[in-house]
Amino acid sequence: ARSFKLMVQVSDQLAKSPGWDQQVFNEWLMRPSHGGHQSAYAHLRVLDIDKWLNSKIFFRSRRSRYLPGATSTAPTPILVHFNYHPDKHKRMLCIMDRYFYGKLDACDNFPGGSEPNT
């Protein structure tokens, strides 16, 4: 019920004004009860960013822990969320090749940022 209430609050906000869904979600999750507003009382969980990571962490900010694949020191991620790179599909395929099919070097040739030489 708490998560549903939070999603209703986020949905209502996005219906009233444009916004980035992840930002609006975080704002409503963190918003305490005050005045006429009652919080959804949803719980915030902080997860290990080396196991629940996004594409920016994998390919850029912690790149040396994951790449090159054959000498990686990072743990195998549980989930990789792609929200940073314009070539998401190609990067998703390399992640699948690496972790599902054992091709450890599948992602090594991608640049750190979104453009070559980054």
PDB file of N, CA and C in Angstrom:
ATOM      1  N   ALA A   1       0.823  -1.193   0.000  1.00  0.00           N
ATOM      2  CA  ALA A   1       0.000   0.000   0.000  1.00  0.00           C
ATOM      3  C   ALA A   1       0.874   1.268   0.000  1.00  0.00           C
ATOM      4  N   ARG A   2       2.006   1.223   0.710  1.00  0.00           N
ATOM      5  CA  ARG A   2       2.871   2.405   0.766  1.00  0.00           C
ATOM      6  C   ARG A   2       3.476   2.714  -0.598  1.00  0.00           C
ATOM      7  N   SER A   3       3.966   1.678  -1.269  1.00  0.00           N
ATOM      8  CA  SER A   3       4.570   1.924  -2.578  1.00  0.00           C
ATOM      9  C   SER A   3       3.523   2.391  -3.579  1.00  0.00           C
ATOM     10  N   PHE A   4       2.304   1.875  -3.462  1.00  0.00           N
ATOM     11  CA  PHE A   4       1.230   2.324  -4.356  1.00  0.00           C
ATOM     12  C   PHE A   4       0.917   3.798  -4.108  1.00  0.00           C
ATOM     13  N   LYS A   5       0.848   4.185  -2.843  1.00  0.00           N
ATOM     14  CA  LYS A   5       0.577   5.590  -2.517  1.00  0.00           C
ATOM     15  C   LYS A   5       1.675   6.490  -3.081  1.00  0.00           C
ATOM     16  N   LEU A   6       2.915   6.062  -2.952  1.00  0.00           N
ATOM     17  CA  LEU A   6       4.030   6.836  -3.494  1.00  0.00           C
ATOM     18  C   LEU A   6       3.893   6.978  -5.007  1.00  0.00           C
ATOM     19  N   MET A   7       3.560   5.895  -5.689  1.00  0.00           N
ATOM     20  CA  MET A   7       3.424   5.952  -7.147  1.00  0.00           C
ATOM     21  C   MET A   7       2.258   6.848  -7.568  1.00  0.00           C
ATOM     22  N   VAL A   8       1.185   6.873  -6.792  1.00  0.00           N
ATOM     23  CA  VAL A   8       0.064   7.783  -7.075  1.00  0.00           C
ATOM     24  C   VAL A   8       0.534   9.229  -6.935  1.00  0.00           C
ATOM     25  N   GLN A   9       1.291   9.521  -5.888  1.00  0.00           N
ATOM     26  CA  GLN A   9       1.808  10.878  -5.697  1.00  0.00           C
ATOM     27  C   GLN A   9       2.714  11.286  -6.860  1.00  0.00           C
ATOM     28  N   VAL A  10       3.582  10.389  -7.283  1.00  0.00           N
ATOM     29  CA  VAL A  10       4.486  10.673  -8.401  1.00  0.00           C
ATOM     30  C   VAL A  10       3.688  10.862  -9.688  1.00  0.00           C
ATOM     31  N   SER A  11       2.737   9.983  -9.932  1.00  0.00           N
ATOM     32  CA  SER A  11       1.906  10.070 -11.137  1.00  0.00           C
ATOM     33  C   SER A  11       1.121  11.377 -11.175  1.00  0.00           C
ATOM     34  N   ASP A  12       0.538  11.753 -10.047  1.00  0.00           N
ATOM     35  CA  ASP A  12      -0.213  13.015  -9.978  1.00  0.00           C
ATOM     36  C   ASP A  12       0.694  14.204 -10.281  1.00  0.00           C
ATOM     37  N   GLN A  13       1.892  14.200  -9.712  1.00  0.00           N
ATOM     38  CA  GLN A  13       2.844  15.292  -9.947  1.00  0.00           C
ATOM     39  C   GLN A  13       3.215  15.385 -11.421  1.00  0.00           C
ATOM     40  N   LEU A  14       3.506  14.240 -12.042  1.00  0.00           N
ATOM     41  CA  LEU A  14       3.900  14.236 -13.453  1.00  0.00           C
ATOM     42  C   LEU A  14       2.740  14.598 -14.374  1.00  0.00           C
ATOM     43  N   ALA A  15       1.511  14.331 -13.944  1.00  0.00           N
ATOM     44  CA  ALA A  15       0.341  14.718 -14.738  1.00  0.00           C
ATOM     45  C   ALA A  15       0.133  16.232 -14.703  1.00  0.00           C
ATOM     46  N   LYS A  16       0.544  16.865 -13.602  1.00  0.00           N
ATOM     47  CA  LYS A  16       0.371  18.317 -13.441  1.00  0.00           C
ATOM     48  C   LYS A  16       1.470  19.117 -14.120  1.00  0.00           C
ATOM     49  N   SER A  17       2.687  18.602 -14.072  1.00  0.00           N
ATOM     50  CA  SER A  17       3.803  19.346 -14.657  1.00  0.00           C
ATOM     51  C   SER A  17       4.864  18.368 -15.151  1.00  0.00           C
ATOM     52  N   PRO A  18       5.568  18.750 -16.226  1.00  0.00           N
ATOM     53  CA  PRO A  18       6.589  17.841 -16.755  1.00  0.00           C
ATOM     54  C   PRO A  18       7.756  17.704 -15.781  1.00  0.00           C
ATOM     55  N   GLY A  19       8.390  16.575 -15.832  1.00  0.00           N
ATOM     56  CA  GLY A  19       9.542  16.349 -14.974  1.00  0.00           C
ATOM     57  C   GLY A  19      10.209  15.046 -15.333  1.00  0.00           C
ATOM     58  N   TRP A  20      11.402  14.861 -14.824  1.00  0.00           N
ATOM     59  CA  TRP A  20      12.137  13.620 -15.033  1.00  0.00           C
ATOM     60  C   TRP A  20      11.616  12.632 -14.007  1.00  0.00           C
ATOM     61  N   ASP A  21      11.069  11.515 -14.451  1.00  0.00           N
ATOM     62  CA  ASP A  21      10.400  10.581 -13.559  1.00  0.00           C
ATOM     63  C   ASP A  21      11.263  10.138 -12.383  1.00  0.00           C
ATOM     64  N   GLN A  22      12.544   9.885 -12.603  1.00  0.00           N
ATOM     65  CA  GLN A  22      13.407   9.439 -11.507  1.00  0.00           C
ATOM     66  C   GLN A  22      13.593  10.533 -10.459  1.00  0.00           C
ATOM     67  N   GLN A  23      13.699  11.767 -10.915  1.00  0.00           N
ATOM     68  CA  GLN A  23      13.871  12.877  -9.979  1.00  0.00           C
ATOM     69  C   GLN A  23      12.600  13.097  -9.167  1.00  0.00           C
ATOM     70  N   VAL A  24      11.454  13.087  -9.839  1.00  0.00           N
ATOM     71  CA  VAL A  24      10.179  13.280  -9.140  1.00  0.00           C
ATOM     72  C   VAL A  24       9.966  12.150  -8.135  1.00  0.00           C
ATOM     73  N   PHE A  25      10.267  10.927  -8.531  1.00  0.00           N
ATOM     74  CA  PHE A  25      10.140   9.788  -7.622  1.00  0.00           C
ATOM     75  C   PHE A  25      10.982  10.010  -6.362  1.00  0.00           C
ATOM     76  N   ASN A  26      12.241  10.384  -6.541  1.00  0.00           N
ATOM     77  CA  ASN A  26      13.126  10.605  -5.392  1.00  0.00           C
ATOM     78  C   ASN A  26      12.643  11.750  -4.512  1.00  0.00           C
ATOM     79  N   GLU A  27      12.142  12.822  -5.132  1.00  0.00           N
ATOM     80  CA  GLU A  27      11.637  13.953  -4.348  1.00  0.00           C
ATOM     81  C   GLU A  27      10.462  13.532  -3.474  1.00  0.00           C
ATOM     82  N   TRP A  28       9.529  12.777  -4.039  1.00  0.00           N
ATOM     83  CA  TRP A  28       8.362  12.349  -3.271  1.00  0.00           C
ATOM     84  C   TRP A  28       8.731  11.295  -2.234  1.00  0.00           C
ATOM     85  N   LEU A  29       9.680  10.446  -2.536  1.00  0.00           N
ATOM     86  CA  LEU A  29      10.121   9.437  -1.580  1.00  0.00           C
ATOM     87  C   LEU A  29      10.726  10.091  -0.345  1.00  0.00           C
ATOM     88  N   MET A  30      11.481  11.163  -0.549  1.00  0.00           N
ATOM     89  CA  MET A  30      12.179  11.831   0.553  1.00  0.00           C
ATOM     90  C   MET A  30      11.343  12.914   1.250  1.00  0.00           C
ATOM     91  N   ARG A  31      10.212  13.281   0.678  1.00  0.00           N
ATOM     92  CA  ARG A  31       9.412  14.385   1.217  1.00  0.00           C
ATOM     93  C   ARG A  31       8.726  13.964   2.521  1.00  0.00           C
ATOM     94  N   PRO A  32       9.042  14.629   3.627  1.00  0.00           N
ATOM     95  CA  PRO A  32       8.403  14.280   4.901  1.00  0.00           C
ATOM     96  C   PRO A  32       6.989  14.854   4.988  1.00  0.00           C
ATOM     97  N   SER A  33       6.209  14.301   5.891  1.00  0.00           N
ATOM     98  CA  SER A  33       4.878  14.844   6.142  1.00  0.00           C
ATOM     99  C   SER A  33       5.021  16.258   6.681  1.00  0.00           C
ATOM    100  N   HIS A  34       4.141  17.139   6.234  1.00  0.00           N
ATOM    101  CA  HIS A  34       4.133  18.517   6.718  1.00  0.00           C
ATOM    102  C   HIS A  34       2.819  19.168   6.303  1.00  0.00           C
ATOM    103  N   GLY A  35       2.326  20.083   7.112  1.00  0.00           N
ATOM    104  CA  GLY A  35       1.083  20.774   6.784  1.00  0.00           C
ATOM    105  C   GLY A  35      -0.004  19.782   6.405  1.00  0.00           C
ATOM    106  N   GLY A  36      -0.582  19.968   5.225  1.00  0.00           N
ATOM    107  CA  GLY A  36      -1.631  19.074   4.751  1.00  0.00           C
ATOM    108  C   GLY A  36      -1.109  17.860   3.998  1.00  0.00           C
ATOM    109  N   HIS A  37       0.199  17.767   3.837  1.00  0.00           N
ATOM    110  CA  HIS A  37       0.784  16.644   3.096  1.00  0.00           C
ATOM    111  C   HIS A  37       1.152  15.509   4.036  1.00  0.00           C
ATOM    112  N   GLN A  38       0.736  14.299   3.672  1.00  0.00           N
ATOM    113  CA  GLN A  38       1.135  13.127   4.438  1.00  0.00           C
ATOM    114  C   GLN A  38       2.036  12.262   3.562  1.00  0.00           C
ATOM    115  N   SER A  39       3.195  11.950   4.068  1.00  0.00           N
ATOM    116  CA  SER A  39       4.157  11.112   3.351  1.00  0.00           C
ATOM    117  C   SER A  39       3.555   9.740   3.062  1.00  0.00           C
ATOM    118  N   ALA A  40       4.050   9.092   2.027  1.00  0.00           N
ATOM    119  CA  ALA A  40       3.616   7.724   1.728  1.00  0.00           C
ATOM    120  C   ALA A  40       4.244   6.731   2.706  1.00  0.00           C
ATOM    121  N   TYR A  41       5.243   7.155   3.453  1.00  0.00           N
ATOM    122  CA  TYR A  41       5.980   6.312   4.400  1.00  0.00           C
ATOM    123  C   TYR A  41       6.610   5.103   3.716  1.00  0.00           C
ATOM    124  N   ALA A  42       6.966   5.278   2.462  1.00  0.00           N
ATOM    125  CA  ALA A  42       7.696   4.228   1.751  1.00  0.00           C
ATOM    126  C   ALA A  42       9.132   4.236   2.259  1.00  0.00           C
ATOM    127  N   HIS A  43       9.761   3.097   2.234  1.00  0.00           N
ATOM    128  CA  HIS A  43      11.118   2.979   2.762  1.00  0.00           C
ATOM    129  C   HIS A  43      12.154   3.124   1.659  1.00  0.00           C
ATOM    130  N   LEU A  44      13.196   3.841   1.970  1.00  0.00           N
ATOM    131  CA  LEU A  44      14.328   4.002   1.069  1.00  0.00           C
ATOM    132  C   LEU A  44      15.349   2.921   1.392  1.00  0.00           C
ATOM    133  N   ARG A  45      15.790   2.214   0.365  1.00  0.00           N
ATOM    134  CA  ARG A  45      16.837   1.212   0.551  1.00  0.00           C
ATOM    135  C   ARG A  45      18.062   1.653  -0.232  1.00  0.00           C
ATOM    136  N   VAL A  46      19.191   1.600   0.399  1.00  0.00           N
ATOM    137  CA  VAL A  46      20.442   1.944  -0.262  1.00  0.00           C
ATOM    138  C   VAL A  46      21.148   0.630  -0.571  1.00  0.00           C
ATOM    139  N   LEU A  47      21.421   0.421  -1.857  1.00  0.00           N
ATOM    140  CA  LEU A  47      21.999  -0.841  -2.298  1.00  0.00           C
ATOM    141  C   LEU A  47      23.461  -0.665  -2.682  1.00  0.00           C
ATOM    142  N   ASP A  48      24.199  -1.729  -2.647  1.00  0.00           N
ATOM    143  CA  ASP A  48      25.607  -1.736  -3.033  1.00  0.00           C
ATOM    144  C   ASP A  48      25.725  -1.359  -4.508  1.00  0.00           C
ATOM    145  N   ILE A  49      26.373  -0.225  -4.809  1.00  0.00           N
ATOM    146  CA  ILE A  49      26.428   0.261  -6.192  1.00  0.00           C
ATOM    147  C   ILE A  49      27.289  -0.605  -7.094  1.00  0.00           C
ATOM    148  N   ASP A  50      28.072  -1.509  -6.531  1.00  0.00           N
ATOM    149  CA  ASP A  50      28.839  -2.430  -7.363  1.00  0.00           C
ATOM    150  C   ASP A  50      28.029  -3.663  -7.752  1.00  0.00           C
ATOM    151  N   LYS A  51      26.868  -3.833  -7.147  1.00  0.00           N
ATOM    152  CA  LYS A  51      26.014  -4.962  -7.505  1.00  0.00           C
ATOM    153  C   LYS A  51      24.726  -4.504  -8.179  1.00  0.00           C
ATOM    154  N   TRP A  52      24.241  -3.333  -7.838  1.00  0.00           N
ATOM    155  CA  TRP A  52      23.043  -2.734  -8.438  1.00  0.00           C
ATOM    156  C   TRP A  52      23.513  -1.429  -9.067  1.00  0.00           C
ATOM    157  N   LEU A  53      24.032  -1.498 -10.293  1.00  0.00           N
ATOM    158  CA  LEU A  53      24.690  -0.333 -10.855  1.00  0.00           C
ATOM    159  C   LEU A  53      24.019   0.143 -12.130  1.00  0.00           C
ATOM    160  N   ASN A  54      24.437   1.309 -12.557  1.00  0.00           N
ATOM    161  CA  ASN A  54      23.949   1.818 -13.835  1.00  0.00           C
ATOM    162  C   ASN A  54      25.109   1.863 -14.823  1.00  0.00           C
ATOM    163  N   SER A  55      24.768   2.144 -16.067  1.00  0.00           N
ATOM    164  CA  SER A  55      25.773   2.093 -17.129  1.00  0.00           C
ATOM    165  C   SER A  55      26.889   3.116 -16.933  1.00  0.00           C
ATOM    166  N   LYS A  56      26.592   4.246 -16.303  1.00  0.00           N
ATOM    167  CA  LYS A  56      27.638   5.250 -16.079  1.00  0.00           C
ATOM    168  C   LYS A  56      28.697   4.713 -15.113  1.00  0.00           C
ATOM    169  N   ILE A  57      28.261   4.036 -14.075  1.00  0.00           N
ATOM    170  CA  ILE A  57      29.203   3.443 -13.122  1.00  0.00           C
ATOM    171  C   ILE A  57      30.059   2.389 -13.830  1.00  0.00           C
ATOM    172  N   PHE A  58      29.409   1.514 -14.594  1.00  0.00           N
ATOM    173  CA  PHE A  58      30.122   0.413 -15.253  1.00  0.00           C
ATOM    174  C   PHE A  58      31.134   0.913 -16.273  1.00  0.00           C
ATOM    175  N   PHE A  59      30.698   1.805 -17.155  1.00  0.00           N
ATOM    176  CA  PHE A  59      31.555   2.217 -18.266  1.00  0.00           C
ATOM    177  C   PHE A  59      32.421   3.439 -17.974  1.00  0.00           C
ATOM    178  N   ARG A  60      32.099   4.194 -16.932  1.00  0.00           N
ATOM    179  CA  ARG A  60      32.828   5.446 -16.745  1.00  0.00           C
ATOM    180  C   ARG A  60      33.447   5.605 -15.357  1.00  0.00           C
ATOM    181  N   SER A  61      32.637   5.871 -14.339  1.00  0.00           N
ATOM    182  CA  SER A  61      33.212   6.282 -13.058  1.00  0.00           C
ATOM    183  C   SER A  61      33.972   5.172 -12.328  1.00  0.00           C
ATOM    184  N   ARG A  62      33.580   3.927 -12.502  1.00  0.00           N
ATOM    185  CA  ARG A  62      34.312   2.821 -11.878  1.00  0.00           C
ATOM    186  C   ARG A  62      34.824   1.841 -12.932  1.00  0.00           C
ATOM    187  N   ARG A  63      35.084   2.358 -14.093  1.00  0.00           N
ATOM    188  CA  ARG A  63      35.490   1.560 -15.247  1.00  0.00           C
ATOM    189  C   ARG A  63      36.638   0.599 -14.938  1.00  0.00           C
ATOM    190  N   SER A  64      37.649   1.067 -14.239  1.00  0.00           N
ATOM    191  CA  SER A  64      38.838   0.239 -14.002  1.00  0.00           C
ATOM    192  C   SER A  64      38.535  -0.995 -13.148  1.00  0.00           C
ATOM    193  N   ARG A  65      37.431  -0.979 -12.431  1.00  0.00           N
ATOM    194  CA  ARG A  65      37.055  -2.158 -11.639  1.00  0.00           C
ATOM    195  C   ARG A  65      36.392  -3.221 -12.504  1.00  0.00           C
ATOM    196  N   TYR A  66      35.741  -2.790 -13.594  1.00  0.00           N
ATOM    197  CA  TYR A  66      35.000  -3.727 -14.445  1.00  0.00           C
ATOM    198  C   TYR A  66      35.729  -4.081 -15.735  1.00  0.00           C
ATOM    199  N   LEU A  67      36.539  -3.155 -16.224  1.00  0.00           N
ATOM    200  CA  LEU A  67      37.198  -3.350 -17.519  1.00  0.00           C
ATOM    201  C   LEU A  67      38.711  -3.178 -17.376  1.00  0.00           C
ATOM    202  N   PRO A  68      39.556  -3.934 -18.060  1.00  0.00           N
ATOM    203  CA  PRO A  68      39.166  -4.977 -19.002  1.00  0.00           C
ATOM    204  C   PRO A  68      38.573  -6.190 -18.296  1.00  0.00           C
ATOM    205  N   GLY A  69      37.669  -6.831 -18.989  1.00  0.00           N
ATOM    206  CA  GLY A  69      36.893  -7.922 -18.407  1.00  0.00           C
ATOM    207  C   GLY A  69      37.705  -9.091 -17.894  1.00  0.00           C
ATOM    208  N   ALA A  70      38.767  -9.434 -18.585  1.00  0.00           N
ATOM    209  CA  ALA A  70      39.550 -10.607 -18.192  1.00  0.00           C
ATOM    210  C   ALA A  70      40.247 -10.428 -16.850  1.00  0.00           C
ATOM    211  N   THR A  71      40.478  -9.189 -16.420  1.00  0.00           N
ATOM    212  CA  THR A  71      41.164  -8.935 -15.147  1.00  0.00           C
ATOM    213  C   THR A  71      40.295  -8.146 -14.171  1.00  0.00           C
ATOM    214  N   SER A  72      39.003  -8.183 -14.360  1.00  0.00           N
ATOM    215  CA  SER A  72      38.076  -7.425 -13.522  1.00  0.00           C
ATOM    216  C   SER A  72      38.184  -7.821 -12.053  1.00  0.00           C
ATOM    217  N   THR A  73      38.155  -6.801 -11.171  1.00  0.00           N
ATOM    218  CA  THR A  73      38.173  -7.059  -9.730  1.00  0.00           C
ATOM    219  C   THR A  73      36.804  -6.854  -9.097  1.00  0.00           C
ATOM    220  N   ALA A  74      35.853  -6.345  -9.871  1.00  0.00           N
ATOM    221  CA  ALA A  74      34.523  -6.042  -9.341  1.00  0.00           C
ATOM    222  C   ALA A  74      33.678  -7.311  -9.247  1.00  0.00           C
ATOM    223  N   PRO A  75      32.740  -7.327  -8.297  1.00  0.00           N
ATOM    224  CA  PRO A  75      31.833  -8.474  -8.218  1.00  0.00           C
ATOM    225  C   PRO A  75      30.880  -8.484  -9.418  1.00  0.00           C
ATOM    226  N   THR A  76      30.319  -9.633  -9.703  1.00  0.00           N
ATOM    227  CA  THR A  76      29.331  -9.724 -10.778  1.00  0.00           C
ATOM    228  C   THR A  76      28.091  -8.951 -10.357  1.00  0.00           C
ATOM    229  N   PRO A  77      27.647  -7.989 -11.175  1.00  0.00           N
ATOM    230  CA  PRO A  77      26.470  -7.212 -10.790  1.00  0.00           C
ATOM    231  C   PRO A  77      25.193  -8.046 -10.830  1.00  0.00           C
ATOM    232  N   ILE A  78      24.255  -7.668  -9.996  1.00  0.00           N
ATOM    233  CA  ILE A  78      22.939  -8.294  -9.998  1.00  0.00           C
ATOM    234  C   ILE A  78      22.090  -7.655 -11.089  1.00  0.00           C
ATOM    235  N   LEU A  79      22.286  -6.355 -11.294  1.00  0.00           N
ATOM    236  CA  LEU A  79      21.514  -5.607 -12.276  1.00  0.00           C
ATOM    237  C   LEU A  79      22.359  -4.462 -12.806  1.00  0.00           C
ATOM    238  N   VAL A  80      22.230  -4.189 -14.105  1.00  0.00           N
ATOM    239  CA  VAL A  80      22.855  -3.014 -14.710  1.00  0.00           C
ATOM    240  C   VAL A  80      21.742  -2.228 -15.386  1.00  0.00           C
ATOM    241  N   HIS A  81      21.519  -1.002 -14.934  1.00  0.00           N
ATOM    242  CA  HIS A  81      20.474  -0.136 -15.491  1.00  0.00           C
ATOM    243  C   HIS A  81      21.108   0.808 -16.505  1.00  0.00           C
ATOM    244  N   PHE A  82      20.535   0.878 -17.694  1.00  0.00           N
ATOM    245  CA  PHE A  82      21.083   1.715 -18.761  1.00  0.00           C
ATOM    246  C   PHE A  82      20.271   2.988 -18.894  1.00  0.00           C
ATOM    247  N   ASN A  83      20.820   4.093 -18.395  1.00  0.00           N
ATOM    248  CA  ASN A  83      20.112   5.367 -18.467  1.00  0.00           C
ATOM    249  C   ASN A  83      21.032   6.514 -18.862  1.00  0.00           C
ATOM    250  N   TYR A  84      22.237   6.228 -19.240  1.00  0.00           N
ATOM    251  CA  TYR A  84      23.224   7.282 -19.437  1.00  0.00           C
ATOM    252  C   TYR A  84      23.726   7.361 -20.867  1.00  0.00           C
ATOM    253  N   HIS A  85      23.830   6.265 -21.546  1.00  0.00           N
ATOM    254  CA  HIS A  85      24.466   6.219 -22.859  1.00  0.00           C
ATOM    255  C   HIS A  85      23.452   6.181 -23.994  1.00  0.00           C
ATOM    256  N   PRO A  86      23.708   6.922 -25.081  1.00  0.00           N
ATOM    257  CA  PRO A  86      22.780   6.905 -26.215  1.00  0.00           C
ATOM    258  C   PRO A  86      22.794   5.576 -26.973  1.00  0.00           C
ATOM    259  N   ASP A  87      23.888   4.835 -26.914  1.00  0.00           N
ATOM    260  CA  ASP A  87      23.969   3.539 -27.600  1.00  0.00           C
ATOM    261  C   ASP A  87      23.629   2.402 -26.628  1.00  0.00           C
ATOM    262  N   LYS A  88      22.507   2.576 -25.928  1.00  0.00           N
ATOM    263  CA  LYS A  88      22.105   1.640 -24.879  1.00  0.00           C
ATOM    264  C   LYS A  88      22.033   0.197 -25.364  1.00  0.00           C
ATOM    265  N   HIS A  89      21.405  -0.013 -26.511  1.00  0.00           N
ATOM    266  CA  HIS A  89      21.183  -1.380 -26.977  1.00  0.00           C
ATOM    267  C   HIS A  89      22.497  -2.132 -27.190  1.00  0.00           C
ATOM    268  N   LYS A  90      23.461  -1.494 -27.823  1.00  0.00           N
ATOM    269  CA  LYS A  90      24.758  -2.148 -28.051  1.00  0.00           C
ATOM    270  C   LYS A  90      25.442  -2.476 -26.726  1.00  0.00           C
ATOM    271  N   ARG A  91      25.335  -1.571 -25.778  1.00  0.00           N
ATOM    272  CA  ARG A  91      25.964  -1.803 -24.474  1.00  0.00           C
ATOM    273  C   ARG A  91      25.225  -2.893 -23.697  1.00  0.00           C
ATOM    274  N   MET A  92      23.914  -2.945 -23.841  1.00  0.00           N
ATOM    275  CA  MET A  92      23.158  -4.026 -23.201  1.00  0.00           C
ATOM    276  C   MET A  92      23.597  -5.383 -23.750  1.00  0.00           C
ATOM    277  N   LEU A  93      23.776  -5.432 -25.061  1.00  0.00           N
ATOM    278  CA  LEU A  93      24.205  -6.689 -25.678  1.00  0.00           C
ATOM    279  C   LEU A  93      25.586  -7.112 -25.192  1.00  0.00           C
ATOM    280  N   CYS A  94      26.496  -6.152 -25.002  1.00  0.00           N
ATOM    281  CA  CYS A  94      27.832  -6.524 -24.521  1.00  0.00           C
ATOM    282  C   CYS A  94      27.759  -7.034 -23.082  1.00  0.00           C
ATOM    283  N   ILE A  95      26.895  -6.439 -22.262  1.00  0.00           N
ATOM    284  CA  ILE A  95      26.721  -6.913 -20.881  1.00  0.00           C
ATOM    285  C   ILE A  95      26.184  -8.344 -20.895  1.00  0.00           C
ATOM    286  N   MET A  96      25.206  -8.607 -21.757  1.00  0.00           N
ATOM    287  CA  MET A  96      24.666  -9.968 -21.870  1.00  0.00           C
ATOM    288  C   MET A  96      25.750 -10.944 -22.324  1.00  0.00           C
ATOM    289  N   ASP A  97      26.521 -10.535 -23.340  1.00  0.00           N
ATOM    290  CA  ASP A  97      27.598 -11.404 -23.819  1.00  0.00           C
ATOM    291  C   ASP A  97      28.597 -11.703 -22.705  1.00  0.00           C
ATOM    292  N   ARG A  98      28.908 -10.702 -21.935  1.00  0.00           N
ATOM    293  CA  ARG A  98      29.910 -10.874 -20.878  1.00  0.00           C
ATOM    294  C   ARG A  98      29.411 -11.764 -19.741  1.00  0.00           C
ATOM    295  N   TYR A  99      28.248 -11.421 -19.186  1.00  0.00           N
ATOM    296  CA  TYR A  99      27.798 -12.125 -17.988  1.00  0.00           C
ATOM    297  C   TYR A  99      26.958 -13.369 -18.262  1.00  0.00           C
ATOM    298  N   PHE A 100      26.275 -13.432 -19.386  1.00  0.00           N
ATOM    299  CA  PHE A 100      25.482 -14.624 -19.694  1.00  0.00           C
ATOM    300  C   PHE A 100      26.265 -15.652 -20.495  1.00  0.00           C
ATOM    301  N   TYR A 101      27.138 -15.180 -21.392  1.00  0.00           N
ATOM    302  CA  TYR A 101      27.808 -16.084 -22.319  1.00  0.00           C
ATOM    303  C   TYR A 101      29.315 -16.185 -22.094  1.00  0.00           C
ATOM    304  N   GLY A 102      29.835 -15.527 -21.052  1.00  0.00           N
ATOM    305  CA  GLY A 102      31.227 -15.688 -20.671  1.00  0.00           C
ATOM    306  C   GLY A 102      32.260 -15.013 -21.556  1.00  0.00           C
ATOM    307  N   LYS A 103      31.841 -14.096 -22.415  1.00  0.00           N
ATOM    308  CA  LYS A 103      32.792 -13.365 -23.264  1.00  0.00           C
ATOM    309  C   LYS A 103      33.320 -12.175 -22.459  1.00  0.00           C
ATOM    310  N   LEU A 104      34.346 -12.399 -21.678  1.00  0.00           N
ATOM    311  CA  LEU A 104      34.821 -11.410 -20.712  1.00  0.00           C
ATOM    312  C   LEU A 104      35.248 -10.086 -21.325  1.00  0.00           C
ATOM    313  N   ASP A 105      35.692 -10.091 -22.566  1.00  0.00           N
ATOM    314  CA  ASP A 105      36.150  -8.851 -23.199  1.00  0.00           C
ATOM    315  C   ASP A 105      35.066  -8.167 -24.039  1.00  0.00           C
ATOM    316  N   ALA A 106      33.825  -8.597 -23.928  1.00  0.00           N
ATOM    317  CA  ALA A 106      32.739  -8.093 -24.780  1.00  0.00           C
ATOM    318  C   ALA A 106      32.535  -6.582 -24.683  1.00  0.00           C
ATOM    319  N   CYS A 107      32.837  -5.981 -23.552  1.00  0.00           N
ATOM    320  CA  CYS A 107      32.581  -4.547 -23.351  1.00  0.00           C
ATOM    321  C   CYS A 107      33.847  -3.695 -23.391  1.00  0.00           C
ATOM    322  N   ASP A 108      34.979  -4.311 -23.556  1.00  0.00           N
ATOM    323  CA  ASP A 108      36.256  -3.604 -23.426  1.00  0.00           C
ATOM    324  C   ASP A 108      36.469  -2.478 -24.432  1.00  0.00           C
ATOM    325  N   ASN A 109      35.878  -2.555 -25.600  1.00  0.00           N
ATOM    326  CA  ASN A 109      36.125  -1.550 -26.640  1.00  0.00           C
ATOM    327  C   ASN A 109      35.209  -0.333 -26.566  1.00  0.00           C
ATOM    328  N   PHE A 110      34.251  -0.333 -25.656  1.00  0.00           N
ATOM    329  CA  PHE A 110      33.375   0.835 -25.535  1.00  0.00           C
ATOM    330  C   PHE A 110      34.112   1.966 -24.830  1.00  0.00           C
ATOM    331  N   PRO A 111      33.861   3.219 -25.244  1.00  0.00           N
ATOM    332  CA  PRO A 111      34.484   4.350 -24.550  1.00  0.00           C
ATOM    333  C   PRO A 111      33.872   4.527 -23.162  1.00  0.00           C
ATOM    334  N   GLY A 112      34.550   5.302 -22.333  1.00  0.00           N
ATOM    335  CA  GLY A 112      34.051   5.546 -20.990  1.00  0.00           C
ATOM    336  C   GLY A 112      32.793   6.385 -20.969  1.00  0.00           C
ATOM    337  N   GLY A 113      32.767   7.420 -21.790  1.00  0.00           N
ATOM    338  CA  GLY A 113      31.575   8.253 -21.874  1.00  0.00           C
ATOM    339  C   GLY A 113      30.699   7.791 -23.015  1.00  0.00           C
ATOM    340  N   SER A 114      30.017   8.718 -23.621  1.00  0.00           N
ATOM    341  CA  SER A 114      29.137   8.383 -24.730  1.00  0.00           C
ATOM    342  C   SER A 114      29.813   8.549 -26.076  1.00  0.00           C
ATOM    343  N   GLU A 115      30.968   9.145 -26.084  1.00  0.00           N
ATOM    344  CA  GLU A 115      31.676   9.420 -27.332  1.00  0.00           C
ATOM    345  C   GLU A 115      33.028   8.716 -27.342  1.00  0.00           C
ATOM    346  N   PRO A 116      33.552   8.394 -28.535  1.00  0.00           N
ATOM    347  CA  PRO A 116      34.885   7.788 -28.610  1.00  0.00           C
ATOM    348  C   PRO A 116      35.935   8.665 -27.923  1.00  0.00           C
ATOM    349  N   ASN A 117      36.955   8.039 -27.395  1.00  0.00           N
ATOM    350  CA  ASN A 117      38.076   8.702 -26.705  1.00  0.00           C
ATOM    351  C   ASN A 117      37.688   9.360 -25.390  1.00  0.00           C
ATOM    352  N   THR A 118      36.613   8.922 -24.771  1.00  0.00           N
ATOM    353  CA  THR A 118      36.242   9.466 -23.456  1.00  0.00           C
ATOM    354  C   THR A 118      36.484   8.434 -22.385  1.00  0.00           C
TER     355      THR A 118
END
